[in-house]
Amino acid sequence: MGSYKDSNMLVLGTTSEMEFLESLGILCDAFSVTYHVPKLNKEDAKKVLQGLFVFAEDDVE
């Protein structure tokens, strides 16, 4: 296996418990950027699910 010395890594993490991660000291140590993404409203969530083309229309409703 080759050396990872000059490699880059992108790690994405999601949580709804940011305060818990902060209390453990994980957030500051593991991630250099924190970005808040607001929750989707019902209509936007429906559009996302429809756009995946994996759910029947009745299941999306």
C-alpha atoms as a PDB file:
ATOM      1  CA  MET A   1       0.000   0.000   0.000  1.00  0.00           C
ATOM      2  CA  GLY A   2       1.289   3.479  -0.834  1.00  0.00           C
ATOM      3  CA  SER A   3       2.057   6.327   1.519  1.00  0.00           C
ATOM      4  CA  TYR A   4      -0.771   8.608   2.563  1.00  0.00           C
ATOM      5  CA  LYS A   5       1.647  11.349   3.622  1.00  0.00           C
ATOM      6  CA  ASP A   6       0.791  13.652   0.734  1.00  0.00           C
ATOM      7  CA  SER A   7      -2.864  12.654   0.440  1.00  0.00           C
ATOM      8  CA  ASN A   8      -5.882  14.810   1.166  1.00  0.00           C
ATOM      9  CA  MET A   9      -9.043  13.627   2.845  1.00  0.00           C
ATOM     10  CA  LEU A  10     -12.495  15.168   2.954  1.00  0.00           C
ATOM     11  CA  VAL A  11     -14.690  14.061   5.831  1.00  0.00           C
ATOM     12  CA  LEU A  12     -18.305  15.197   6.019  1.00  0.00           C
ATOM     13  CA  GLY A  13     -20.299  14.690   9.170  1.00  0.00           C
ATOM     14  CA  THR A  14     -23.885  15.458  10.023  1.00  0.00           C
ATOM     15  CA  THR A  15     -25.574  15.674  13.385  1.00  0.00           C
ATOM     16  CA  SER A  16     -28.541  17.180  15.111  1.00  0.00           C
ATOM     17  CA  GLU A  17     -26.672  16.953  18.434  1.00  0.00           C
ATOM     18  CA  MET A  18     -23.938  19.539  17.973  1.00  0.00           C
ATOM     19  CA  GLU A  19     -23.901  20.426  21.668  1.00  0.00           C
ATOM     20  CA  PHE A  20     -23.146  16.786  22.531  1.00  0.00           C
ATOM     21  CA  LEU A  21     -20.155  16.701  20.183  1.00  0.00           C
ATOM     22  CA  GLU A  22     -18.920  20.004  21.594  1.00  0.00           C
ATOM     23  CA  SER A  23     -19.175  18.623  25.143  1.00  0.00           C
ATOM     24  CA  LEU A  24     -16.930  15.715  24.123  1.00  0.00           C
ATOM     25  CA  GLY A  25     -14.449  18.028  22.412  1.00  0.00           C
ATOM     26  CA  ILE A  26     -14.966  16.168  19.137  1.00  0.00           C
ATOM     27  CA  LEU A  27     -16.281  19.042  17.069  1.00  0.00           C
ATOM     28  CA  CYS A  28     -13.266  21.315  17.418  1.00  0.00           C
ATOM     29  CA  ASP A  29     -10.709  18.533  17.099  1.00  0.00           C
ATOM     30  CA  ALA A  30     -12.200  16.723  14.133  1.00  0.00           C
ATOM     31  CA  PHE A  31     -13.703  19.414  11.909  1.00  0.00           C
ATOM     32  CA  SER A  32     -12.301  22.726  10.731  1.00  0.00           C
ATOM     33  CA  VAL A  33     -15.568  24.086   9.306  1.00  0.00           C
ATOM     34  CA  THR A  34     -19.064  23.994  10.752  1.00  0.00           C
ATOM     35  CA  TYR A  35     -21.968  24.840   8.482  1.00  0.00           C
ATOM     36  CA  HIS A  36     -25.556  25.030   9.682  1.00  0.00           C
ATOM     37  CA  VAL A  37     -28.095  23.643   7.232  1.00  0.00           C
ATOM     38  CA  PRO A  38     -31.696  24.490   8.119  1.00  0.00           C
ATOM     39  CA  LYS A  39     -34.294  21.742   8.194  1.00  0.00           C
ATOM     40  CA  LEU A  40     -36.296  21.255   5.025  1.00  0.00           C
ATOM     41  CA  ASN A  41     -39.922  22.226   5.111  1.00  0.00           C
ATOM     42  CA  LYS A  42     -42.464  19.594   4.081  1.00  0.00           C
ATOM     43  CA  GLU A  43     -42.777  20.762   0.460  1.00  0.00           C
ATOM     44  CA  ASP A  44     -39.008  20.904  -0.109  1.00  0.00           C
ATOM     45  CA  ALA A  45     -38.532  17.454   1.445  1.00  0.00           C
ATOM     46  CA  LYS A  46     -41.235  16.139  -0.889  1.00  0.00           C
ATOM     47  CA  LYS A  47     -39.409  17.600  -3.915  1.00  0.00           C
ATOM     48  CA  VAL A  48     -36.163  15.944  -2.844  1.00  0.00           C
ATOM     49  CA  LEU A  49     -37.820  12.547  -2.434  1.00  0.00           C
ATOM     50  CA  GLN A  50     -39.595  12.878  -5.787  1.00  0.00           C
ATOM     51  CA  GLY A  51     -36.306  13.805  -7.459  1.00  0.00           C
ATOM     52  CA  LEU A  52     -34.672  10.571  -6.325  1.00  0.00           C
ATOM     53  CA  PHE A  53     -37.102   8.555  -8.474  1.00  0.00           C
ATOM     54  CA  VAL A  54     -37.018   5.632  -6.017  1.00  0.00           C
ATOM     55  CA  PHE A  55     -40.313   6.171  -4.181  1.00  0.00           C
ATOM     56  CA  ALA A  56     -43.850   5.660  -5.409  1.00  0.00           C
ATOM     57  CA  GLU A  57     -45.885   8.884  -5.430  1.00  0.00           C
ATOM     58  CA  ASP A  58     -48.166   7.528  -2.686  1.00  0.00           C
ATOM     59  CA  ASP A  59     -45.117   6.878  -0.491  1.00  0.00           C
ATOM     60  CA  VAL A  60     -43.906  10.455  -0.919  1.00  0.00           C
ATOM     61  CA  GLU A  61     -47.271  11.843   0.149  1.00  0.00           C
END
